N, C-alpha and C. Protein backbone atom coordinates (compact mmCIF):
# COMPACT_ATOMS: atom_id res chain seq x y z
N MET A 1 -13.92 -17.99 15.12
CA MET A 1 -13.27 -16.70 15.97
C MET A 1 -12.10 -17.41 16.54
N PRO A 2 -10.77 -16.96 15.93
CA PRO A 2 -9.13 -17.09 17.35
C PRO A 2 -8.99 -16.08 17.90
N LEU A 3 -9.91 -15.28 18.20
CA LEU A 3 -9.58 -14.36 19.18
C LEU A 3 -9.34 -14.36 20.19
N TYR A 4 -8.08 -14.34 20.53
CA TYR A 4 -7.51 -14.98 22.14
C TYR A 4 -7.49 -13.93 23.06
N ARG A 5 -6.72 -12.57 22.96
CA ARG A 5 -7.13 -11.65 24.18
C ARG A 5 -7.18 -10.18 23.18
N ASP A 6 -7.87 -8.94 23.72
CA ASP A 6 -8.06 -7.76 23.09
C ASP A 6 -6.91 -6.89 24.10
N TYR A 7 -6.06 -6.13 24.09
CA TYR A 7 -5.16 -5.39 24.54
C TYR A 7 -5.16 -4.06 24.87
N SER A 8 -6.52 -3.75 23.87
CA SER A 8 -6.98 -2.66 23.39
C SER A 8 -7.04 -1.04 24.43
N ASP A 9 -6.56 -0.02 24.07
CA ASP A 9 -6.66 0.80 24.84
C ASP A 9 -6.81 2.20 24.84
N ASP A 10 -7.00 3.27 25.31
CA ASP A 10 -7.48 5.10 24.84
C ASP A 10 -6.92 4.89 23.40
N GLN A 11 -5.45 4.25 23.43
CA GLN A 11 -4.42 4.84 22.69
C GLN A 11 -4.77 4.41 21.48
N ALA A 12 -4.67 2.91 21.50
CA ALA A 12 -4.56 1.29 20.15
C ALA A 12 -5.32 0.39 20.38
N THR A 13 -6.01 0.24 19.41
CA THR A 13 -6.61 -1.39 19.24
C THR A 13 -5.68 -2.19 18.82
N ILE A 14 -5.34 -3.26 19.68
CA ILE A 14 -4.15 -4.47 19.98
C ILE A 14 -5.01 -5.51 20.14
N LEU A 15 -5.22 -6.51 18.78
CA LEU A 15 -5.41 -7.69 18.98
C LEU A 15 -4.52 -8.84 18.99
N LEU A 16 -4.87 -10.16 19.84
CA LEU A 16 -3.86 -11.49 19.74
C LEU A 16 -4.54 -12.48 19.44
N TRP A 17 -4.63 -13.05 17.95
CA TRP A 17 -5.80 -14.56 17.95
C TRP A 17 -4.41 -15.53 17.75
N LYS A 18 -5.58 -16.29 18.17
CA LYS A 18 -4.97 -17.71 18.49
C LYS A 18 -5.10 -18.44 17.19
N TYR A 19 -4.10 -19.29 16.32
CA TYR A 19 -4.36 -20.46 15.13
C TYR A 19 -5.11 -21.29 15.65
N SER A 20 -6.32 -21.77 14.24
CA SER A 20 -7.71 -22.64 15.06
C SER A 20 -7.63 -23.21 13.58
N GLU A 21 -7.50 -24.83 14.11
CA GLU A 21 -6.99 -25.47 12.53
C GLU A 21 -8.41 -25.60 11.79
N ASP A 22 -9.74 -25.24 12.49
CA ASP A 22 -11.21 -24.87 11.31
C ASP A 22 -11.27 -23.58 10.93
N GLU A 23 -9.63 -22.57 11.09
CA GLU A 23 -10.39 -21.37 10.31
C GLU A 23 -10.27 -21.41 8.83
N ASP A 24 -10.69 -20.64 9.03
CA ASP A 24 -10.17 -20.61 7.31
C ASP A 24 -9.56 -19.46 6.77
N LEU A 25 -8.66 -19.88 6.22
CA LEU A 25 -7.00 -18.67 5.94
C LEU A 25 -6.54 -19.00 4.42
N ASP A 26 -7.51 -18.37 3.78
CA ASP A 26 -7.40 -18.78 2.19
C ASP A 26 -6.80 -17.12 1.73
N PRO A 27 -5.58 -17.59 1.26
CA PRO A 27 -4.52 -16.46 0.69
C PRO A 27 -4.82 -15.98 -0.39
N ASP A 28 -5.81 -16.62 -1.47
CA ASP A 28 -6.27 -15.88 -2.28
C ASP A 28 -7.12 -14.76 -2.30
N ILE A 29 -8.19 -14.93 -0.53
CA ILE A 29 -8.68 -13.90 -0.37
C ILE A 29 -7.93 -12.65 0.40
N LEU A 30 -6.98 -13.17 1.31
CA LEU A 30 -6.71 -12.24 2.03
C LEU A 30 -5.55 -11.87 2.25
N VAL A 31 -4.32 -12.53 0.86
CA VAL A 31 -3.31 -11.63 0.87
C VAL A 31 -3.24 -10.18 -0.16
N GLU A 32 -2.45 -9.70 0.32
CA GLU A 32 -3.03 -8.36 -1.12
C GLU A 32 -2.06 -9.15 -2.41
N LYS A 33 -2.61 -8.50 -3.64
CA LYS A 33 -1.81 -8.86 -4.74
C LYS A 33 -0.04 -8.42 -5.07
N GLU A 34 -0.15 -6.83 -4.17
CA GLU A 34 1.29 -6.82 -4.16
C GLU A 34 2.06 -8.09 -3.40
N ASN A 35 1.18 -8.39 -2.41
CA ASN A 35 2.54 -9.86 -1.93
C ASN A 35 2.34 -11.08 -2.29
N PHE A 36 2.11 -11.12 -3.10
CA PHE A 36 2.30 -12.21 -3.79
C PHE A 36 3.31 -13.28 -4.11
N GLU A 37 4.07 -12.50 -5.14
CA GLU A 37 5.46 -12.64 -5.17
C GLU A 37 6.45 -12.85 -3.57
N LYS A 38 6.02 -12.11 -2.78
CA LYS A 38 6.90 -12.61 -1.56
C LYS A 38 6.46 -13.70 -1.23
N ILE A 39 5.44 -13.66 -1.09
CA ILE A 39 5.14 -14.97 0.39
C ILE A 39 4.74 -16.53 -0.56
N LYS A 40 5.43 -16.32 -1.91
CA LYS A 40 5.09 -17.49 -2.73
C LYS A 40 6.52 -18.78 -1.94
N ASP A 41 7.23 -18.63 -1.78
CA ASP A 41 8.65 -19.45 -0.82
C ASP A 41 8.03 -19.48 0.51
N TYR A 42 6.93 -18.84 1.60
CA TYR A 42 6.96 -19.36 2.83
C TYR A 42 6.64 -20.88 2.56
N HIS A 43 7.09 -21.26 4.43
CA HIS A 43 7.17 -22.24 5.01
C HIS A 43 5.68 -22.42 5.24
N PRO A 44 4.76 -23.10 5.70
CA PRO A 44 3.34 -23.36 6.02
C PRO A 44 3.48 -22.55 7.12
N THR A 45 4.04 -22.61 8.55
CA THR A 45 3.88 -21.77 9.40
C THR A 45 3.55 -20.32 9.28
N LYS A 46 5.11 -19.98 9.05
CA LYS A 46 4.64 -18.38 8.21
C LYS A 46 3.67 -17.87 7.50
N LEU A 47 3.64 -18.92 6.78
CA LEU A 47 2.33 -18.63 6.28
C LEU A 47 1.16 -18.36 6.50
N LYS A 48 0.72 -18.97 7.40
CA LYS A 48 -0.08 -18.84 8.99
C LYS A 48 -0.09 -17.95 9.39
N GLU A 49 0.89 -17.33 9.72
CA GLU A 49 0.89 -16.18 10.73
C GLU A 49 0.68 -14.99 10.35
N LEU A 50 1.30 -14.91 9.01
CA LEU A 50 0.94 -13.28 7.59
C LEU A 50 -0.72 -13.99 7.64
N LEU A 51 -1.00 -14.76 7.33
CA LEU A 51 -2.96 -14.79 7.03
C LEU A 51 -3.62 -14.37 8.23
N LEU A 52 -3.03 -14.68 9.61
CA LEU A 52 -3.62 -14.62 10.68
C LEU A 52 -3.86 -12.97 11.08
N VAL A 53 -2.32 -12.20 10.86
CA VAL A 53 -2.81 -11.13 11.10
C VAL A 53 -3.30 -10.01 9.48
N ARG A 54 -3.61 -10.94 8.58
CA ARG A 54 -4.45 -10.09 8.10
C ARG A 54 -6.20 -10.64 8.07
N LYS A 55 -6.43 -11.55 8.81
CA LYS A 55 -7.42 -11.92 9.11
C LYS A 55 -7.97 -10.84 10.45
N ILE A 56 -7.00 -10.44 11.32
CA ILE A 56 -7.27 -9.31 12.59
C ILE A 56 -7.62 -8.08 11.51
N LEU A 57 -6.87 -7.68 10.75
CA LEU A 57 -6.72 -6.69 9.97
C LEU A 57 -8.36 -6.28 8.98
N LYS A 58 -8.52 -7.60 8.50
CA LYS A 58 -9.97 -7.58 8.13
C LYS A 58 -11.01 -7.25 9.02
N SER A 59 -11.20 -8.17 10.08
CA SER A 59 -11.96 -7.65 11.42
C SER A 59 -12.42 -6.37 11.99
N VAL A 60 -11.19 -4.97 11.41
CA VAL A 60 -11.40 -4.10 12.23
C VAL A 60 -11.17 -3.37 11.52
N LEU A 61 -10.50 -3.49 9.75
CA LEU A 61 -10.43 -2.14 8.82
C LEU A 61 -10.15 -3.12 7.74
N PRO A 62 -11.79 -3.75 7.23
CA PRO A 62 -11.92 -4.66 5.76
C PRO A 62 -11.39 -4.03 4.71
N ASP A 63 -11.21 -2.55 4.42
CA ASP A 63 -10.54 -2.05 2.99
C ASP A 63 -9.23 -1.88 3.23
N HIS A 64 -8.41 -1.47 4.52
CA HIS A 64 -7.17 -1.31 4.30
C HIS A 64 -6.02 -2.98 3.79
N LYS A 65 -4.64 -2.40 3.65
CA LYS A 65 -4.10 -3.14 2.94
C LYS A 65 -2.90 -3.49 4.02
N ILE A 66 -2.12 -4.54 4.16
CA ILE A 66 -0.92 -4.68 4.85
C ILE A 66 0.35 -4.32 3.69
N LEU A 67 0.91 -3.45 3.45
CA LEU A 67 2.13 -3.56 2.32
C LEU A 67 3.76 -3.28 2.88
N TYR A 68 4.43 -3.52 2.51
CA TYR A 68 5.87 -3.51 3.44
C TYR A 68 6.72 -2.17 1.98
N ASN A 69 7.71 -1.91 3.28
CA ASN A 69 9.08 -0.98 2.54
C ASN A 69 10.10 -1.44 2.93
N GLU A 70 10.39 -2.23 1.56
CA GLU A 70 11.25 -3.30 2.12
C GLU A 70 10.75 -4.12 2.97
N ARG A 71 11.57 -4.37 4.61
CA ARG A 71 10.48 -5.58 5.67
C ARG A 71 10.26 -4.77 6.24
N ILE A 72 9.45 -3.32 6.24
CA ILE A 72 8.03 -2.91 7.52
C ILE A 72 7.58 -3.08 7.13
N PRO A 73 6.10 -3.35 7.56
CA PRO A 73 4.96 -3.38 7.58
C PRO A 73 4.66 -2.01 7.51
N TYR A 74 3.68 -1.85 6.55
CA TYR A 74 3.22 -0.53 6.78
C TYR A 74 1.34 -0.27 6.16
N LEU A 75 0.45 0.44 6.75
CA LEU A 75 -0.93 0.39 6.75
C LEU A 75 -1.51 1.15 4.95
N SER A 76 -2.11 1.05 4.20
CA SER A 76 -2.51 1.35 2.78
C SER A 76 -4.09 1.42 2.86
N PRO A 77 -4.93 2.71 3.34
CA PRO A 77 -4.34 3.72 3.30
C PRO A 77 -3.31 3.92 4.67
N LYS A 78 -2.33 5.10 4.30
CA LYS A 78 -1.72 5.30 5.51
C LYS A 78 -2.64 6.04 6.46
N ASP A 79 -3.22 6.11 7.15
CA ASP A 79 -3.94 6.83 8.06
C ASP A 79 -4.06 6.41 9.16
N TYR A 80 -4.12 5.35 10.00
CA TYR A 80 -2.62 4.57 10.53
C TYR A 80 -1.65 4.39 11.24
N GLU A 81 -0.40 4.12 12.06
CA GLU A 81 0.19 3.61 12.33
C GLU A 81 -0.10 1.95 12.32
N ILE A 82 0.70 0.98 12.43
CA ILE A 82 0.36 -0.79 12.77
C ILE A 82 2.09 -1.51 13.29
N SER A 83 1.74 -2.20 13.93
CA SER A 83 2.91 -3.14 14.48
C SER A 83 2.43 -4.20 14.26
N VAL A 84 3.10 -4.73 13.84
CA VAL A 84 2.96 -6.40 13.79
C VAL A 84 3.52 -7.42 14.78
N THR A 85 3.08 -8.78 14.61
CA THR A 85 4.28 -9.91 15.94
C THR A 85 3.50 -10.66 15.55
N HIS A 86 3.91 -11.93 15.29
CA HIS A 86 3.81 -13.05 15.30
C HIS A 86 4.75 -14.71 16.08
N SER A 87 4.61 -15.37 16.80
CA SER A 87 4.90 -16.92 17.57
C SER A 87 4.03 -17.49 17.29
N PHE A 88 4.11 -18.31 16.20
CA PHE A 88 3.26 -19.84 16.15
C PHE A 88 2.61 -20.00 17.36
N PRO A 89 1.59 -20.39 17.38
CA PRO A 89 0.27 -20.46 17.08
C PRO A 89 -0.34 -18.97 16.97
N PHE A 90 0.57 -18.26 17.57
CA PHE A 90 -0.35 -16.75 18.13
C PHE A 90 0.08 -15.39 17.08
N ALA A 91 -0.69 -14.54 16.49
CA ALA A 91 -0.12 -13.17 15.94
C ALA A 91 -0.80 -12.06 16.52
N ALA A 92 -0.52 -11.22 16.08
CA ALA A 92 -1.10 -9.85 16.84
C ALA A 92 -0.68 -8.78 16.35
N LEU A 93 -1.83 -8.05 15.75
CA LEU A 93 -1.58 -6.52 14.85
C LEU A 93 -1.83 -5.83 16.16
N ALA A 94 -1.34 -4.03 15.91
CA ALA A 94 -1.73 -3.56 16.84
C ALA A 94 -2.03 -1.91 15.80
N ILE A 95 -2.63 -1.16 16.13
CA ILE A 95 -3.72 -0.20 15.05
C ILE A 95 -3.39 1.10 15.70
N SER A 96 -2.96 2.22 15.56
CA SER A 96 -2.97 4.06 15.94
C SER A 96 -3.19 4.66 15.54
N LYS A 97 -3.23 5.52 15.83
CA LYS A 97 -3.13 6.74 15.49
C LYS A 97 -1.54 7.77 16.13
N ASN A 98 -0.77 6.87 16.47
CA ASN A 98 0.24 7.10 17.05
C ASN A 98 1.01 5.77 16.42
N LYS A 99 3.05 6.49 16.86
CA LYS A 99 3.53 5.34 16.43
C LYS A 99 3.72 4.68 17.77
N VAL A 100 3.22 3.09 17.70
CA VAL A 100 3.65 1.66 18.69
C VAL A 100 3.87 0.52 18.30
N GLY A 101 4.46 -0.31 19.16
CA GLY A 101 5.43 -1.32 18.21
C GLY A 101 4.50 -2.74 19.52
N ILE A 102 4.58 -3.48 18.80
CA ILE A 102 4.42 -4.85 19.93
C ILE A 102 5.70 -5.76 19.10
N ASP A 103 5.12 -6.96 20.27
CA ASP A 103 6.57 -7.78 19.91
C ASP A 103 5.77 -9.18 21.22
N ILE A 104 5.77 -10.50 20.58
CA ILE A 104 5.07 -11.66 20.95
C ILE A 104 6.58 -12.57 21.15
N GLU A 105 7.05 -13.27 22.80
CA GLU A 105 7.78 -13.66 22.94
C GLU A 105 8.04 -15.10 23.39
N PRO A 106 7.91 -15.98 23.63
CA PRO A 106 7.49 -17.40 24.23
C PRO A 106 8.77 -17.95 25.10
N PHE A 107 8.79 -17.87 26.51
CA PHE A 107 10.03 -17.80 27.73
C PHE A 107 10.60 -19.34 27.82
N ASN A 108 12.21 -19.13 27.04
CA ASN A 108 12.83 -20.07 26.57
C ASN A 108 14.15 -20.40 27.26
N SER A 109 14.95 -20.97 27.79
CA SER A 109 15.92 -20.93 28.64
C SER A 109 17.29 -20.62 27.71
N LYS A 110 16.97 -20.84 26.32
CA LYS A 110 17.98 -20.09 25.55
C LYS A 110 18.47 -18.74 25.91
N ILE A 111 17.41 -18.36 25.70
CA ILE A 111 17.64 -16.63 25.88
C ILE A 111 18.90 -16.06 26.71
N LYS A 112 19.46 -16.61 27.34
CA LYS A 112 20.49 -16.87 28.58
C LYS A 112 22.28 -16.88 27.40
N ARG A 113 21.84 -17.72 26.30
CA ARG A 113 23.13 -17.73 25.20
C ARG A 113 23.54 -16.37 24.88
N ILE A 114 22.04 -15.92 24.31
CA ILE A 114 22.82 -14.76 23.50
C ILE A 114 22.43 -13.11 24.42
N GLN A 115 22.63 -12.92 25.24
CA GLN A 115 22.00 -11.66 26.62
C GLN A 115 23.03 -10.92 26.26
N HIS A 116 24.24 -11.56 26.17
CA HIS A 116 25.19 -10.70 25.63
C HIS A 116 24.97 -9.14 24.40
N LYS A 117 24.39 -10.14 23.66
CA LYS A 117 24.40 -9.39 21.72
C LYS A 117 23.11 -8.13 22.45
N PHE A 118 22.33 -8.13 23.99
CA PHE A 118 21.11 -6.94 24.26
C PHE A 118 21.18 -5.92 24.86
N LEU A 119 22.00 -6.83 26.20
CA LEU A 119 21.49 -6.38 27.37
C LEU A 119 22.70 -5.23 27.99
N LEU A 120 22.35 -4.43 28.54
CA LEU A 120 23.54 -3.34 29.66
C LEU A 120 23.63 -4.00 30.87
N GLU A 121 24.58 -3.85 31.15
CA GLU A 121 25.29 -3.83 32.68
C GLU A 121 23.82 -3.39 33.47
N GLU A 122 23.63 -1.84 33.03
CA GLU A 122 22.54 -1.47 33.95
C GLU A 122 21.35 -2.09 34.70
N GLU A 123 20.74 -2.98 32.77
CA GLU A 123 19.88 -3.78 32.70
C GLU A 123 20.00 -5.02 33.93
N SER A 124 21.61 -5.73 34.29
CA SER A 124 21.60 -6.48 34.29
C SER A 124 21.31 -6.44 36.12
N ASN A 125 21.82 -5.31 36.53
CA ASN A 125 21.72 -4.94 38.17
C ASN A 125 20.13 -5.10 38.22
N PHE A 126 19.24 -5.29 38.07
CA PHE A 126 18.07 -5.12 38.87
C PHE A 126 17.32 -6.36 38.04
N ILE A 127 17.87 -6.95 37.64
CA ILE A 127 17.14 -8.77 37.28
C ILE A 127 17.08 -9.57 38.52
N GLU A 128 16.16 -10.23 38.62
CA GLU A 128 15.92 -11.21 40.38
C GLU A 128 16.66 -12.57 39.59
N LYS A 129 17.55 -12.90 40.16
CA LYS A 129 18.28 -14.20 39.43
C LYS A 129 17.96 -15.03 39.24
N ASP A 130 16.67 -15.55 40.48
CA ASP A 130 15.73 -16.87 40.19
C ASP A 130 14.64 -16.69 39.48
N LYS A 131 14.96 -15.35 38.72
CA LYS A 131 13.71 -14.74 37.53
C LYS A 131 14.41 -14.30 36.59
N GLU A 132 16.03 -14.91 35.99
CA GLU A 132 16.27 -14.26 35.33
C GLU A 132 15.90 -14.86 33.62
N ILE A 133 14.99 -15.69 33.25
CA ILE A 133 14.56 -15.95 32.34
C ILE A 133 13.60 -15.20 32.20
N ALA A 134 12.77 -15.04 33.06
CA ALA A 134 11.56 -13.91 32.46
C ALA A 134 12.06 -12.21 32.20
N TYR A 135 13.00 -12.01 33.21
CA TYR A 135 13.24 -10.69 33.04
C TYR A 135 14.16 -10.79 31.02
N LEU A 136 14.90 -11.48 30.84
CA LEU A 136 15.67 -11.27 30.15
C LEU A 136 14.84 -11.35 28.86
N THR A 137 13.84 -12.56 28.75
CA THR A 137 12.81 -12.52 27.74
C THR A 137 12.08 -11.32 26.85
N ILE A 138 11.72 -10.05 28.71
CA ILE A 138 11.11 -9.46 28.89
C ILE A 138 12.00 -7.84 27.90
N ILE A 139 12.99 -8.11 28.45
CA ILE A 139 14.35 -6.75 27.83
C ILE A 139 14.26 -7.20 26.15
N TRP A 140 14.31 -8.08 26.00
CA TRP A 140 14.22 -8.38 24.71
C TRP A 140 13.51 -8.10 23.75
N SER A 141 11.77 -9.03 24.38
CA SER A 141 11.33 -8.55 23.80
C SER A 141 11.23 -6.59 23.39
N LEU A 142 10.88 -5.93 25.01
CA LEU A 142 11.01 -4.60 24.80
C LEU A 142 11.45 -4.06 24.02
N LYS A 143 12.78 -4.28 23.53
CA LYS A 143 13.89 -3.43 22.63
C LYS A 143 13.43 -4.27 21.60
N GLU A 144 12.58 -5.05 21.46
CA GLU A 144 12.28 -5.48 20.01
C GLU A 144 10.76 -4.72 19.41
N SER A 145 9.98 -4.37 20.75
CA SER A 145 9.07 -3.83 19.98
C SER A 145 9.21 -1.99 20.15
N LEU A 146 10.35 -1.52 21.03
CA LEU A 146 10.91 -0.24 20.50
C LEU A 146 11.27 -0.08 19.26
N TYR A 147 12.36 -1.34 18.32
CA TYR A 147 12.83 -0.80 17.53
C TYR A 147 11.82 -0.88 16.32
N LYS A 148 10.94 -1.54 16.47
CA LYS A 148 9.48 -1.65 15.26
C LYS A 148 8.77 -0.02 15.28
N ILE A 149 9.37 1.34 16.71
CA ILE A 149 8.58 2.54 16.81
C ILE A 149 9.59 3.26 15.97
N HIS A 150 11.30 2.75 16.20
CA HIS A 150 12.36 3.54 16.41
C HIS A 150 13.57 2.74 15.92
N HIS A 151 13.33 2.09 14.50
CA HIS A 151 14.69 1.55 13.53
C HIS A 151 15.78 2.15 12.91
N SER A 152 16.46 1.83 13.32
CA SER A 152 17.46 1.72 11.65
C SER A 152 18.81 1.12 11.81
N ASN A 153 18.86 0.12 10.72
CA ASN A 153 19.91 -1.00 10.74
C ASN A 153 21.53 -0.37 11.25
N TYR A 154 21.43 0.82 11.61
CA TYR A 154 23.00 0.64 11.98
C TYR A 154 22.79 0.49 13.62
N TRP A 155 21.90 0.93 14.31
CA TRP A 155 21.72 1.19 15.52
C TRP A 155 21.83 -0.14 16.41
N SER A 156 21.74 -1.10 17.81
CA SER A 156 22.10 -1.95 18.41
C SER A 156 21.10 -2.33 19.37
N LEU A 157 20.69 -2.66 19.97
CA LEU A 157 19.32 -2.92 20.69
C LEU A 157 20.60 -3.04 21.96
N LYS A 158 21.50 -3.14 22.06
CA LYS A 158 22.58 -3.23 23.22
C LYS A 158 22.91 -1.58 23.56
N LYS A 159 23.55 -1.37 22.22
CA LYS A 159 24.15 -0.02 22.76
C LYS A 159 23.12 1.24 22.59
N HIS A 160 21.67 1.22 21.64
CA HIS A 160 20.54 2.25 21.54
C HIS A 160 19.60 1.88 22.16
N TYR A 161 19.13 0.92 22.38
CA TYR A 161 18.03 0.58 23.08
C TYR A 161 18.51 0.08 24.71
N GLU A 162 17.01 1.01 25.65
CA GLU A 162 17.07 1.27 26.59
C GLU A 162 16.38 1.25 27.61
N VAL A 163 16.01 -0.07 28.33
CA VAL A 163 15.17 -0.48 29.60
C VAL A 163 15.48 -0.06 30.76
N LYS A 164 14.22 0.56 31.26
CA LYS A 164 14.69 0.99 32.81
C LYS A 164 14.06 0.18 33.88
N PRO A 165 14.61 -0.05 35.24
CA PRO A 165 13.93 -0.60 35.69
C PRO A 165 12.92 -1.14 36.49
N PHE A 166 12.62 -2.15 36.05
CA PHE A 166 10.58 -2.73 36.87
C PHE A 166 10.80 -3.91 37.24
N SER A 167 9.44 -4.17 37.31
CA SER A 167 9.56 -5.41 38.98
C SER A 167 8.10 -6.40 37.48
N LEU A 168 8.58 -7.75 38.28
CA LEU A 168 7.73 -8.54 37.70
C LEU A 168 6.30 -8.76 38.03
N ASP A 169 6.45 -8.24 39.18
CA ASP A 169 5.21 -8.22 39.77
C ASP A 169 4.45 -7.16 39.31
N PHE A 170 4.65 -5.64 38.64
CA PHE A 170 3.97 -4.88 38.13
C PHE A 170 4.59 -4.32 37.01
N PRO A 171 4.97 -5.10 36.13
CA PRO A 171 4.74 -4.90 34.07
C PRO A 171 4.34 -3.47 33.75
N PHE A 172 4.44 -2.49 34.07
CA PHE A 172 3.35 -1.97 33.64
C PHE A 172 4.04 -0.48 33.53
N ASN A 173 3.66 0.59 32.86
CA ASN A 173 4.51 1.99 32.85
C ASN A 173 6.08 1.62 33.29
N ILE A 174 6.50 1.34 31.87
CA ILE A 174 8.10 0.86 32.17
C ILE A 174 8.29 1.85 31.00
N GLN A 175 9.78 2.35 32.02
CA GLN A 175 10.14 3.55 30.69
C GLN A 175 11.28 2.87 30.07
N CYS A 176 11.67 3.58 28.71
CA CYS A 176 12.21 2.59 27.83
C CYS A 176 13.34 3.39 27.33
N ARG A 177 13.98 3.52 26.76
CA ARG A 177 14.79 4.96 25.71
C ARG A 177 15.70 4.48 24.59
N VAL A 178 15.28 5.28 23.44
CA VAL A 178 16.47 5.02 22.26
C VAL A 178 17.24 6.17 22.58
N HIS A 179 17.82 6.00 22.36
CA HIS A 179 19.42 6.60 22.00
C HIS A 179 20.82 6.67 20.96
N ASP A 180 21.23 7.73 20.90
CA ASP A 180 22.37 7.63 20.44
C ASP A 180 23.08 9.20 20.50
N GLU A 181 23.88 9.60 19.64
CA GLU A 181 24.80 10.99 20.03
C GLU A 181 23.55 12.16 20.19
N ASN A 182 22.39 11.79 18.60
CA ASN A 182 21.96 12.80 18.54
C ASN A 182 20.64 12.66 18.45
N VAL A 183 19.91 11.66 19.17
CA VAL A 183 19.00 11.21 19.59
C VAL A 183 18.56 10.25 21.00
N SER A 184 17.58 11.15 22.25
CA SER A 184 17.52 10.77 23.38
C SER A 184 15.52 10.88 23.25
N ASP A 185 15.38 9.43 23.11
CA ASP A 185 13.73 9.08 23.64
C ASP A 185 12.84 8.42 24.50
N LEU A 186 12.02 8.83 25.24
CA LEU A 186 11.83 8.52 26.19
C LEU A 186 10.12 7.34 25.98
N TYR A 187 9.86 6.47 25.89
CA TYR A 187 8.77 5.22 25.88
C TYR A 187 8.14 5.04 27.28
N LYS A 188 7.03 4.94 26.98
CA LYS A 188 6.19 3.60 28.23
C LYS A 188 6.02 2.88 27.20
N ALA A 189 6.31 1.71 28.21
CA ALA A 189 6.08 -0.04 27.96
C ALA A 189 5.32 -0.76 29.12
N ARG A 190 4.04 -1.61 28.51
CA ARG A 190 3.48 -2.17 29.52
C ARG A 190 3.82 -3.72 29.07
N VAL A 191 3.42 -5.03 29.88
CA VAL A 191 3.83 -6.34 29.37
C VAL A 191 2.62 -7.21 29.63
N GLU A 192 1.82 -8.24 29.20
CA GLU A 192 1.01 -9.21 29.54
C GLU A 192 1.68 -10.19 29.17
N PHE A 193 1.19 -11.40 29.97
CA PHE A 193 1.45 -12.30 30.01
C PHE A 193 0.13 -13.26 29.72
N PHE A 194 1.06 -14.91 29.24
CA PHE A 194 -0.30 -15.54 28.51
C PHE A 194 0.31 -16.74 28.24
N GLU A 195 -0.24 -17.63 28.59
CA GLU A 195 0.39 -19.03 28.55
C GLU A 195 1.96 -19.27 28.61
N ASN A 196 2.75 -19.49 27.81
CA ASN A 196 4.42 -19.56 28.43
C ASN A 196 4.83 -18.48 27.23
N TYR A 197 4.35 -17.50 27.55
CA TYR A 197 4.82 -16.41 26.65
C TYR A 197 4.64 -14.73 27.05
N CYS A 198 5.44 -13.79 26.85
CA CYS A 198 4.99 -12.31 26.82
C CYS A 198 4.64 -11.50 25.46
N PHE A 199 4.00 -10.84 26.17
CA PHE A 199 3.64 -9.71 25.22
C PHE A 199 3.86 -8.44 25.61
N THR A 200 4.86 -7.63 25.06
CA THR A 200 4.91 -6.46 24.92
C THR A 200 4.89 -5.05 24.14
N ILE A 201 3.99 -3.97 24.72
CA ILE A 201 3.46 -2.90 24.24
C ILE A 201 4.12 -1.52 24.35
N VAL A 202 4.66 -0.99 23.40
CA VAL A 202 5.71 0.56 23.52
C VAL A 202 4.01 0.84 22.64
N ASP A 203 4.20 1.98 23.59
CA ASP A 203 3.50 3.39 22.22
C ASP A 203 3.80 5.29 23.57
């Protein structure tokens, strides 16, 4: 059983799994018939990520399915909210009665090349320069998690998603905001670290 970490709390069940060569990931058993057409041309790695998520679901709610509204996953029956993330060899699933967003990101210096696409000036002001890659990756990941809770095709990670100042020494209870001229919603987040990855949870 490839359970790697359990980040569950009193709000949500949040399980992180790691791919194992000897893990039984049979698409005929794990993939919902509604998704057969969707996955037929998947790259083998992407398919493994999807199957890992299904394996997590089967361990918690064996009679439920993950279906899609366009690209957005949802649980059937719709008695819980879910969020899905993966970065091979890892995959994670969050299940909650409330809206929840999770995201996995590897720490990589390439993040500096795209910071102009998502980083607010106010966010750049609290970044410790000797830890720039870590801060940028976490901010990006937090905004990806926020997007999974509060998404719109017309919104920008830079214009409409904001991460308040935080410290790498205590990356918990981080304040995040989604906003436009009509909306200003606050959320709390936390960051967990493993190997060369960060894992962000917003609920």
